[in-house]
Amino acid sequence: MKLACRTATPASDLEVMAEVVNLLDRRAAMKHPPLTLVVSDPVALGIAGIFASRTPGGKVLDRFYRKGVVDSDELIEAAQIEQAHTSPEGHAALYCLIGWVRARVHAARTAEPVAGA
């Protein structure tokens, strides 16, 4: 499924870090966090920008970062590949990006609004 980001301005690295930490803390405090509790669109773009590179997965992230449009399956696969080669903090950020994608796909299929948007 094609996903389009609703913003063209990515969050800064510090904004990404702060929102990822906040989101993970909020999700950890809940027994069953909702699928729709995700990072914002600017943070999703910011995460993609951090991991954009010349690797196959990095190229998908770079395309999303630059164009704001991507195939959901490609983005999830790229993020999962990059998770294997990054720090724990990077892994957490990519986990949040994957959650953002899954929430978008779910919202498109059920017409349910996404909290991070």
N, C-alpha and C. Protein backbone atom coordinates (compact mmCIF):
# COMPACT_ATOMS: atom_id res chain seq x y z
N MET A 1 0.84 -1.17 0.00
CA MET A 1 0.00 0.00 0.00
C MET A 1 0.89 1.24 0.00
N LYS A 2 0.58 2.19 -0.86
CA LYS A 2 1.34 3.44 -0.91
C LYS A 2 0.94 4.32 0.28
N LEU A 3 1.94 4.84 0.96
CA LEU A 3 1.71 5.76 2.08
C LEU A 3 2.28 7.11 1.72
N ALA A 4 1.56 8.15 2.08
CA ALA A 4 2.04 9.52 1.88
C ALA A 4 2.10 10.21 3.22
N CYS A 5 3.21 10.84 3.49
CA CYS A 5 3.38 11.59 4.72
C CYS A 5 2.65 12.92 4.58
N ARG A 6 2.02 13.37 5.64
CA ARG A 6 1.22 14.59 5.59
C ARG A 6 2.02 15.86 5.84
N THR A 7 3.32 15.74 5.91
CA THR A 7 4.18 16.90 6.08
C THR A 7 5.40 16.76 5.19
N ALA A 8 5.99 17.86 4.85
CA ALA A 8 7.22 17.84 4.05
C ALA A 8 8.42 18.22 4.89
N THR A 9 8.19 18.61 6.14
CA THR A 9 9.26 19.07 7.00
C THR A 9 9.58 18.02 8.06
N PRO A 10 10.75 17.40 7.98
CA PRO A 10 11.10 16.39 8.98
C PRO A 10 11.50 17.01 10.31
N ALA A 11 11.31 16.25 11.37
CA ALA A 11 11.76 16.68 12.69
C ALA A 11 13.28 16.63 12.76
N SER A 12 13.85 17.44 13.62
CA SER A 12 15.30 17.41 13.84
C SER A 12 15.67 16.14 14.61
N ASP A 13 16.95 15.84 14.66
CA ASP A 13 17.41 14.67 15.39
C ASP A 13 17.00 14.73 16.86
N LEU A 14 17.09 15.90 17.46
CA LEU A 14 16.70 16.04 18.87
C LEU A 14 15.20 15.85 19.06
N GLU A 15 14.40 16.37 18.14
CA GLU A 15 12.96 16.16 18.21
C GLU A 15 12.61 14.69 18.03
N VAL A 16 13.32 14.02 17.13
CA VAL A 16 13.10 12.58 16.93
C VAL A 16 13.38 11.84 18.23
N MET A 17 14.55 12.10 18.82
CA MET A 17 14.93 11.41 20.04
C MET A 17 13.91 11.64 21.16
N ALA A 18 13.51 12.89 21.35
CA ALA A 18 12.58 13.22 22.42
C ALA A 18 11.23 12.54 22.22
N GLU A 19 10.72 12.57 20.99
CA GLU A 19 9.41 11.97 20.74
C GLU A 19 9.46 10.45 20.82
N VAL A 20 10.54 9.83 20.36
CA VAL A 20 10.67 8.38 20.45
C VAL A 20 10.70 7.95 21.91
N VAL A 21 11.49 8.62 22.73
CA VAL A 21 11.56 8.30 24.16
C VAL A 21 10.20 8.48 24.81
N ASN A 22 9.54 9.59 24.53
CA ASN A 22 8.23 9.85 25.11
C ASN A 22 7.22 8.79 24.69
N LEU A 23 7.20 8.45 23.41
CA LEU A 23 6.26 7.45 22.91
C LEU A 23 6.51 6.09 23.56
N LEU A 24 7.76 5.67 23.62
CA LEU A 24 8.06 4.37 24.20
C LEU A 24 7.72 4.33 25.68
N ASP A 25 7.94 5.43 26.39
CA ASP A 25 7.54 5.52 27.80
C ASP A 25 6.03 5.40 27.95
N ARG A 26 5.29 6.11 27.10
CA ARG A 26 3.82 6.06 27.15
C ARG A 26 3.31 4.66 26.84
N ARG A 27 3.89 4.02 25.82
CA ARG A 27 3.45 2.67 25.45
C ARG A 27 3.79 1.67 26.56
N ALA A 28 4.95 1.83 27.19
CA ALA A 28 5.36 0.92 28.25
C ALA A 28 4.46 1.03 29.48
N ALA A 29 3.90 2.20 29.69
CA ALA A 29 3.02 2.43 30.84
C ALA A 29 1.63 1.82 30.65
N MET A 30 1.31 1.40 29.45
CA MET A 30 -0.01 0.84 29.17
C MET A 30 0.07 -0.68 29.08
N LYS A 31 -0.96 -1.33 29.57
CA LYS A 31 -1.01 -2.78 29.49
C LYS A 31 -1.20 -3.23 28.03
N HIS A 32 -2.07 -2.56 27.31
CA HIS A 32 -2.34 -2.86 25.90
C HIS A 32 -2.37 -1.56 25.11
N PRO A 33 -1.19 -1.02 24.74
CA PRO A 33 -1.19 0.25 24.00
C PRO A 33 -1.89 0.10 22.65
N PRO A 34 -2.62 1.13 22.26
CA PRO A 34 -3.32 1.05 20.98
C PRO A 34 -2.35 1.13 19.80
N LEU A 35 -2.73 0.49 18.73
CA LEU A 35 -1.94 0.50 17.50
C LEU A 35 -1.76 1.93 16.99
N THR A 36 -2.72 2.77 17.30
CA THR A 36 -2.71 4.13 16.77
C THR A 36 -1.83 5.10 17.55
N LEU A 37 -1.22 4.65 18.65
CA LEU A 37 -0.32 5.51 19.42
C LEU A 37 1.06 5.43 18.78
N VAL A 38 1.37 6.41 17.93
CA VAL A 38 2.59 6.38 17.11
C VAL A 38 3.26 7.75 17.08
N VAL A 39 4.44 7.79 16.49
CA VAL A 39 5.15 9.06 16.32
C VAL A 39 4.42 9.92 15.29
N SER A 40 4.71 11.19 15.31
CA SER A 40 4.10 12.12 14.36
C SER A 40 4.73 11.97 12.98
N ASP A 41 4.07 12.53 11.99
CA ASP A 41 4.60 12.50 10.62
C ASP A 41 5.98 13.13 10.52
N PRO A 42 6.22 14.31 11.11
CA PRO A 42 7.57 14.88 11.01
C PRO A 42 8.64 13.98 11.62
N VAL A 43 8.30 13.29 12.70
CA VAL A 43 9.27 12.38 13.32
C VAL A 43 9.49 11.16 12.44
N ALA A 44 8.44 10.64 11.82
CA ALA A 44 8.60 9.51 10.89
C ALA A 44 9.57 9.90 9.77
N LEU A 45 9.40 11.09 9.22
CA LEU A 45 10.33 11.56 8.18
C LEU A 45 11.74 11.76 8.75
N GLY A 46 11.81 12.29 9.95
CA GLY A 46 13.12 12.50 10.58
C GLY A 46 13.87 11.19 10.80
N ILE A 47 13.15 10.15 11.23
CA ILE A 47 13.77 8.84 11.42
C ILE A 47 14.29 8.33 10.08
N ALA A 48 13.50 8.45 9.04
CA ALA A 48 13.93 8.02 7.71
C ALA A 48 15.18 8.78 7.29
N GLY A 49 15.23 10.07 7.57
CA GLY A 49 16.40 10.87 7.22
C GLY A 49 17.65 10.44 7.96
N ILE A 50 17.50 10.07 9.21
CA ILE A 50 18.65 9.62 10.00
C ILE A 50 19.25 8.35 9.41
N PHE A 51 18.41 7.46 8.90
CA PHE A 51 18.88 6.17 8.40
C PHE A 51 19.02 6.09 6.89
N ALA A 52 18.81 7.20 6.20
CA ALA A 52 19.00 7.22 4.75
C ALA A 52 20.47 6.96 4.45
N SER A 53 20.72 6.06 3.50
CA SER A 53 22.10 5.71 3.15
C SER A 53 22.13 5.05 1.77
N ARG A 54 23.29 4.53 1.41
CA ARG A 54 23.44 3.88 0.11
C ARG A 54 23.14 2.38 0.15
N THR A 55 22.81 1.87 1.32
CA THR A 55 22.43 0.45 1.40
C THR A 55 21.05 0.29 0.77
N PRO A 56 20.67 -0.93 0.41
CA PRO A 56 19.32 -1.11 -0.17
C PRO A 56 18.20 -0.59 0.74
N GLY A 57 18.28 -0.91 2.03
CA GLY A 57 17.28 -0.40 2.96
C GLY A 57 17.38 1.10 3.13
N GLY A 58 18.60 1.60 3.18
CA GLY A 58 18.81 3.03 3.31
C GLY A 58 18.28 3.83 2.14
N LYS A 59 18.32 3.23 0.96
CA LYS A 59 17.78 3.91 -0.23
C LYS A 59 16.26 4.06 -0.14
N VAL A 60 15.58 3.04 0.39
CA VAL A 60 14.12 3.14 0.58
C VAL A 60 13.82 4.25 1.58
N LEU A 61 14.57 4.28 2.68
CA LEU A 61 14.37 5.32 3.69
C LEU A 61 14.66 6.70 3.12
N ASP A 62 15.72 6.79 2.30
CA ASP A 62 16.06 8.06 1.66
C ASP A 62 14.95 8.53 0.73
N ARG A 63 14.38 7.63 -0.04
CA ARG A 63 13.29 7.98 -0.95
C ARG A 63 12.08 8.50 -0.16
N PHE A 64 11.76 7.84 0.95
CA PHE A 64 10.65 8.30 1.79
C PHE A 64 10.98 9.67 2.38
N TYR A 65 12.20 9.83 2.85
CA TYR A 65 12.64 11.11 3.43
C TYR A 65 12.54 12.25 2.43
N ARG A 66 12.94 12.03 1.20
CA ARG A 66 12.96 13.08 0.18
C ARG A 66 11.61 13.32 -0.47
N LYS A 67 10.83 12.26 -0.68
CA LYS A 67 9.56 12.40 -1.42
C LYS A 67 8.32 12.32 -0.55
N GLY A 68 8.43 11.71 0.64
CA GLY A 68 7.28 11.60 1.53
C GLY A 68 6.26 10.56 1.10
N VAL A 69 6.62 9.75 0.11
CA VAL A 69 5.72 8.70 -0.40
C VAL A 69 6.53 7.42 -0.49
N VAL A 70 5.90 6.31 -0.06
CA VAL A 70 6.61 5.03 -0.08
C VAL A 70 5.61 3.89 0.00
N ASP A 71 6.03 2.73 -0.47
CA ASP A 71 5.22 1.52 -0.29
C ASP A 71 5.41 1.03 1.14
N SER A 72 4.31 0.72 1.81
CA SER A 72 4.36 0.34 3.22
C SER A 72 5.21 -0.90 3.46
N ASP A 73 5.08 -1.91 2.62
CA ASP A 73 5.86 -3.13 2.81
C ASP A 73 7.35 -2.88 2.60
N GLU A 74 7.68 -2.06 1.62
CA GLU A 74 9.09 -1.73 1.37
C GLU A 74 9.69 -0.98 2.56
N LEU A 75 8.93 -0.05 3.12
CA LEU A 75 9.44 0.74 4.24
C LEU A 75 9.63 -0.13 5.48
N ILE A 76 8.69 -1.02 5.76
CA ILE A 76 8.83 -1.92 6.91
C ILE A 76 10.05 -2.82 6.71
N GLU A 77 10.19 -3.38 5.53
CA GLU A 77 11.34 -4.26 5.27
C GLU A 77 12.66 -3.50 5.40
N ALA A 78 12.70 -2.29 4.88
CA ALA A 78 13.93 -1.48 4.97
C ALA A 78 14.26 -1.17 6.42
N ALA A 79 13.26 -0.80 7.21
CA ALA A 79 13.50 -0.48 8.62
C ALA A 79 13.96 -1.72 9.38
N GLN A 80 13.39 -2.87 9.08
CA GLN A 80 13.80 -4.10 9.76
C GLN A 80 15.24 -4.47 9.40
N ILE A 81 15.61 -4.27 8.16
CA ILE A 81 16.99 -4.54 7.74
C ILE A 81 17.94 -3.61 8.49
N GLU A 82 17.61 -2.34 8.54
CA GLU A 82 18.47 -1.36 9.22
C GLU A 82 18.55 -1.62 10.71
N GLN A 83 17.49 -2.16 11.30
CA GLN A 83 17.50 -2.46 12.74
C GLN A 83 18.63 -3.43 13.10
N ALA A 84 18.96 -4.31 12.20
CA ALA A 84 20.00 -5.31 12.47
C ALA A 84 21.40 -4.72 12.52
N HIS A 85 21.55 -3.48 12.07
CA HIS A 85 22.88 -2.88 11.96
C HIS A 85 23.01 -1.55 12.68
N THR A 86 22.21 -1.35 13.72
CA THR A 86 22.24 -0.05 14.39
C THR A 86 22.33 -0.22 15.90
N SER A 87 22.44 0.89 16.58
CA SER A 87 22.50 0.93 18.04
C SER A 87 21.13 0.61 18.64
N PRO A 88 21.07 0.37 19.95
CA PRO A 88 19.76 0.16 20.59
C PRO A 88 18.83 1.37 20.40
N GLU A 89 19.39 2.56 20.43
CA GLU A 89 18.58 3.76 20.24
C GLU A 89 18.03 3.82 18.82
N GLY A 90 18.89 3.49 17.85
CA GLY A 90 18.45 3.45 16.47
C GLY A 90 17.40 2.38 16.24
N HIS A 91 17.59 1.24 16.88
CA HIS A 91 16.62 0.15 16.79
C HIS A 91 15.26 0.63 17.30
N ALA A 92 15.27 1.36 18.42
CA ALA A 92 14.02 1.87 18.98
C ALA A 92 13.34 2.86 18.04
N ALA A 93 14.13 3.74 17.44
CA ALA A 93 13.56 4.71 16.50
C ALA A 93 12.95 4.00 15.29
N LEU A 94 13.63 3.01 14.76
CA LEU A 94 13.10 2.27 13.62
C LEU A 94 11.87 1.46 14.02
N TYR A 95 11.85 0.95 15.25
CA TYR A 95 10.66 0.28 15.77
C TYR A 95 9.46 1.24 15.74
N CYS A 96 9.69 2.48 16.13
CA CYS A 96 8.63 3.49 16.11
C CYS A 96 8.20 3.81 14.68
N LEU A 97 9.14 3.84 13.75
CA LEU A 97 8.80 4.07 12.35
C LEU A 97 7.94 2.93 11.81
N ILE A 98 8.29 1.70 12.15
CA ILE A 98 7.50 0.55 11.73
C ILE A 98 6.09 0.65 12.31
N GLY A 99 5.98 1.06 13.56
CA GLY A 99 4.67 1.26 14.18
C GLY A 99 3.87 2.32 13.45
N TRP A 100 4.53 3.39 13.03
CA TRP A 100 3.85 4.46 12.27
C TRP A 100 3.29 3.89 10.97
N VAL A 101 4.09 3.07 10.27
CA VAL A 101 3.63 2.48 9.01
C VAL A 101 2.42 1.58 9.26
N ARG A 102 2.53 0.71 10.25
CA ARG A 102 1.43 -0.23 10.53
C ARG A 102 0.16 0.51 10.92
N ALA A 103 0.29 1.58 11.68
CA ALA A 103 -0.88 2.37 12.06
C ALA A 103 -1.52 3.02 10.84
N ARG A 104 -0.69 3.52 9.92
CA ARG A 104 -1.21 4.12 8.69
C ARG A 104 -1.96 3.11 7.83
N VAL A 105 -1.39 1.92 7.72
CA VAL A 105 -2.05 0.87 6.94
C VAL A 105 -3.37 0.49 7.59
N HIS A 106 -3.35 0.33 8.90
CA HIS A 106 -4.57 0.00 9.65
C HIS A 106 -5.63 1.08 9.47
N ALA A 107 -5.21 2.33 9.58
CA ALA A 107 -6.15 3.44 9.44
C ALA A 107 -6.76 3.48 8.04
N ALA A 108 -5.95 3.21 7.04
CA ALA A 108 -6.46 3.22 5.67
C ALA A 108 -7.47 2.10 5.43
N ARG A 109 -7.25 0.99 6.11
CA ARG A 109 -8.16 -0.16 5.93
C ARG A 109 -9.44 -0.04 6.75
N THR A 110 -9.38 0.70 7.85
CA THR A 110 -10.54 0.78 8.74
C THR A 110 -11.12 2.18 8.84
N ALA A 111 -10.48 3.15 8.21
CA ALA A 111 -10.88 4.57 8.27
C ALA A 111 -10.83 5.08 9.71
N GLU A 112 -9.90 4.54 10.52
CA GLU A 112 -9.69 4.97 11.90
C GLU A 112 -8.57 6.01 11.92
N PRO A 113 -8.76 7.13 12.62
CA PRO A 113 -7.70 8.16 12.65
C PRO A 113 -6.49 7.68 13.42
N VAL A 114 -5.30 8.20 13.03
CA VAL A 114 -4.04 7.87 13.67
C VAL A 114 -3.67 9.00 14.60
N ALA A 115 -3.33 8.66 15.87
CA ALA A 115 -3.03 9.66 16.88
C ALA A 115 -1.82 10.52 16.56
N GLY A 116 -0.78 9.97 15.94
CA GLY A 116 0.45 10.70 15.68
C GLY A 116 0.39 11.62 14.48
N ALA A 117 -0.66 11.58 13.74
CA ALA A 117 -0.73 12.37 12.51
C ALA A 117 -1.10 13.80 12.78
